[in-house]
């Protein structure tokens, strides 16, 4: 399976099987879904082997235009998202069918500090992990937009070796999330 075209077709098959509505998870299909996730991880690692890090496309010189964080899943189906641009910060948190939103102006010094800690070369090396939401887990997605390019990772913390290289960036993001979460008041 080292032939690039066969890897493409296996990947295409996996994507189409995931997008097919008849493949929604049932108890009988949970084992098959786990096997597909392992196959997908194998194909992804094969693609990395075919295109080593030294051949990755150069990172665009466009300025970073948006940083996004989202977390969804768990037994309660809670979710939160944070979109930060040079001008605005929008935080949304949802619980039990109720959604609360905070809109603020982005503090210029925070934006500069956040974008200076981003190393897209390290960020792009992080391997995304298959989703956990299917199994009452939580999926965390971090995206960075740079011009027309979008760099994203899903559950990147599971690739601890590469994820720790972006720790200054994730620390700032997590601190901002903690600060904003305190502003949301839920009725008990």
Protein backbone atom coordinates (compact mmCIF):
# COMPACT_ATOMS: atom_id res chain seq x y z
CA UNK A 1 0.00 0.00 0.00
CA UNK A 2 2.94 2.35 -0.48
CA UNK A 3 1.65 3.42 -3.91
CA UNK A 4 0.34 7.03 -3.62
CA UNK A 5 -2.69 6.34 -5.83
CA UNK A 6 -3.77 3.35 -3.73
CA UNK A 7 -3.45 5.46 -0.57
CA UNK A 8 -5.59 8.14 -2.22
CA UNK A 9 -8.33 5.65 -3.07
CA UNK A 10 -8.26 4.11 0.42
CA UNK A 11 -8.55 7.61 1.91
CA UNK A 12 -11.37 8.45 -0.49
CA UNK A 13 -13.15 5.23 0.49
CA UNK A 14 -12.79 6.02 4.19
CA UNK A 15 -14.08 9.57 3.77
CA UNK A 16 -17.04 8.42 1.67
CA UNK A 17 -17.89 5.71 4.19
CA UNK A 18 -17.84 8.27 6.99
CA UNK A 19 -20.05 10.71 5.05
CA UNK A 20 -22.57 8.03 4.02
CA UNK A 21 -25.72 8.49 6.18
CA UNK A 22 -26.26 4.74 6.33
CA UNK A 23 -23.05 4.42 8.34
CA UNK A 24 -24.32 6.13 11.49
CA UNK A 25 -23.00 4.37 14.57
CA UNK A 26 -25.02 1.50 15.95
CA UNK A 27 -23.84 -1.06 18.52
CA UNK A 28 -23.25 -3.52 15.68
CA UNK A 29 -21.16 -1.00 13.75
CA UNK A 30 -19.04 0.33 16.65
CA UNK A 31 -16.34 -2.29 16.12
CA UNK A 32 -16.23 -1.51 12.39
CA UNK A 33 -15.95 2.22 13.17
CA UNK A 34 -12.99 1.59 15.48
CA UNK A 35 -11.32 -0.49 12.76
CA UNK A 36 -11.93 2.31 10.21
CA UNK A 37 -10.34 4.82 12.60
CA UNK A 38 -7.25 2.60 12.89
CA UNK A 39 -7.12 2.25 9.09
CA UNK A 40 -7.47 6.00 8.69
CA UNK A 41 -4.61 6.60 11.14
CA UNK A 42 -2.47 4.13 9.16
CA UNK A 43 -3.26 5.89 5.86
CA UNK A 44 -2.49 9.28 7.41
CA UNK A 45 0.88 8.04 8.68
CA UNK A 46 1.60 6.57 5.23
CA UNK A 47 0.91 9.93 3.65
CA UNK A 48 3.34 11.56 6.09
CA UNK A 49 5.96 8.96 5.06
CA UNK A 50 5.44 9.78 1.39
CA UNK A 51 5.88 13.48 2.05
CA UNK A 52 8.43 13.97 4.84
CA UNK A 53 8.53 17.17 6.87
CA UNK A 54 11.41 18.49 4.79
CA UNK A 55 9.05 18.61 1.78
CA UNK A 56 6.13 20.37 3.46
CA UNK A 57 4.84 23.36 1.53
CA UNK A 58 6.27 26.66 2.74
CA UNK A 59 4.13 28.60 5.17
CA UNK A 60 2.41 31.66 3.74
CA UNK A 61 3.72 35.07 4.73
CA UNK A 62 0.18 36.43 5.09
CA UNK A 63 -0.64 37.76 8.55
CA UNK A 64 -2.78 35.64 10.82
CA UNK A 65 -6.38 36.78 10.50
CA UNK A 66 -8.22 34.50 12.94
CA UNK A 67 -7.61 32.01 15.74
CA UNK A 68 -10.44 29.64 16.66
CA UNK A 69 -10.95 27.14 19.45
CA UNK A 70 -13.92 24.83 19.79
CA UNK A 71 -14.78 22.06 22.19
CA UNK A 72 -17.83 19.84 21.81
CA UNK A 73 -19.14 16.57 23.13
CA UNK A 74 -19.29 14.74 26.41
CA UNK A 75 -22.28 13.14 28.06
CA UNK A 76 -24.11 16.46 28.43
CA UNK A 77 -23.50 17.56 24.85
CA UNK A 78 -21.96 20.83 26.02
CA UNK A 79 -19.95 22.98 23.64
CA UNK A 80 -17.94 26.15 23.53
CA UNK A 81 -16.19 28.14 20.86
CA UNK A 82 -13.86 31.08 20.82
CA UNK A 83 -13.09 33.10 17.68
CA UNK A 84 -10.40 35.75 17.98
CA UNK A 85 -9.60 38.24 15.22
CA UNK A 86 -7.51 41.42 15.44
CA UNK A 87 -10.74 43.34 16.07
CA UNK A 88 -13.11 41.06 17.97
CA UNK A 89 -13.40 38.17 20.36
CA UNK A 90 -16.57 36.05 20.26
CA UNK A 91 -17.14 33.33 22.85
CA UNK A 92 -20.14 30.99 22.76
CA UNK A 93 -20.99 28.41 25.40
CA UNK A 94 -23.92 26.01 25.21
CA UNK A 95 -25.42 23.77 27.87
CA UNK A 96 -28.67 21.83 27.98
CA UNK A 97 -30.05 23.62 24.92
CA UNK A 98 -29.23 27.13 26.21
CA UNK A 99 -26.52 29.25 24.61
CA UNK A 100 -24.69 32.26 26.01
CA UNK A 101 -22.45 34.59 24.02
CA UNK A 102 -19.80 37.15 24.90
CA UNK A 103 -18.66 39.72 22.33
CA UNK A 104 -15.66 41.89 23.11
CA UNK A 105 -13.07 43.93 21.32
CA UNK A 106 -9.73 42.18 21.11
CA UNK A 107 -7.08 43.88 23.19
CA UNK A 108 -4.32 44.82 20.75
CA UNK A 109 -1.49 43.71 23.06
CA UNK A 110 -3.15 40.29 23.57
CA UNK A 111 -3.55 39.77 19.80
CA UNK A 112 0.09 40.65 19.16
CA UNK A 113 1.29 38.36 21.94
CA UNK A 114 -0.95 35.50 20.75
CA UNK A 115 0.08 35.73 17.10
CA UNK A 116 3.77 36.04 17.94
CA UNK A 117 3.66 32.75 19.85
CA UNK A 118 2.21 30.86 16.86
CA UNK A 119 4.72 28.70 15.02
CA UNK A 120 2.84 27.27 12.03
CA UNK A 121 5.69 24.92 11.14
CA UNK A 122 5.27 23.17 14.51
CA UNK A 123 1.48 23.51 14.37
CA UNK A 124 1.28 21.75 11.00
CA UNK A 125 3.38 18.84 12.25
CA UNK A 126 0.81 17.94 14.93
CA UNK A 127 -1.12 14.80 14.06
CA UNK A 128 -4.88 15.14 14.52
CA UNK A 129 -6.52 12.33 16.42
CA UNK A 130 -9.80 10.66 15.47
CA UNK A 131 -12.83 12.18 17.14
CA UNK A 132 -13.94 11.14 20.61
CA UNK A 133 -17.43 12.68 20.55
CA UNK A 134 -18.92 9.46 19.16
CA UNK A 135 -17.96 7.77 22.41
CA UNK A 136 -19.15 10.53 24.81
CA UNK A 137 -15.73 12.11 24.65
CA UNK A 138 -14.84 15.69 23.89
CA UNK A 139 -13.33 16.90 20.62
CA UNK A 140 -11.14 19.99 20.73
CA UNK A 141 -10.37 21.78 17.47
CA UNK A 142 -7.88 24.62 17.13
CA UNK A 143 -7.72 26.52 13.82
CA UNK A 144 -5.52 29.31 12.59
CA UNK A 145 -6.50 31.29 9.50
CA UNK A 146 -3.83 33.02 7.50
CA UNK A 147 -5.16 34.73 4.40
CA UNK A 148 -6.96 32.01 2.42
CA UNK A 149 -5.14 29.21 4.24
CA UNK A 150 -6.60 27.43 7.25
CA UNK A 151 -4.48 25.29 9.57
CA UNK A 152 -6.44 23.00 11.92
CA UNK A 153 -5.85 20.25 14.44
CA UNK A 154 -8.39 18.03 16.19
CA UNK A 155 -7.46 16.59 19.58
CA UNK A 156 -3.85 17.55 18.90
CA UNK A 157 -2.94 17.20 22.56
CA UNK A 158 -2.83 13.43 21.94
CA UNK A 159 0.32 13.99 19.84
CA UNK A 160 2.14 15.12 22.97
CA UNK A 161 5.59 15.21 21.38
CA UNK A 162 4.60 17.82 18.78
CA UNK A 163 1.84 19.53 20.79
CA UNK A 164 4.22 20.62 23.53
CA UNK A 165 6.16 22.63 20.92
CA UNK A 166 3.21 25.04 20.65
CA UNK A 167 2.72 25.28 24.43
CA UNK A 168 3.29 29.07 24.65
CA UNK A 169 0.43 29.54 22.16
CA UNK A 170 -1.93 27.03 23.79
CA UNK A 171 -1.18 28.43 27.26
CA UNK A 172 -2.26 31.92 26.15
CA UNK A 173 -5.37 30.51 24.51
CA UNK A 174 -6.31 28.43 27.58
CA UNK A 175 -5.73 31.38 29.92
CA UNK A 176 -8.02 33.56 27.77
CA UNK A 177 -10.67 30.80 27.81
CA UNK A 178 -10.47 30.54 31.61
CA UNK A 179 -10.82 34.32 31.92
CA UNK A 180 -13.88 34.43 29.66
CA UNK A 181 -15.59 31.38 31.20
CA UNK A 182 -15.70 33.25 34.51
CA UNK A 183 -17.91 35.89 32.87
CA UNK A 184 -20.66 33.40 32.02
CA UNK A 185 -23.26 33.00 34.76
CA UNK A 186 -25.58 29.98 34.63
CA UNK A 187 -28.74 29.72 36.70
CA UNK A 188 -28.74 26.77 39.08
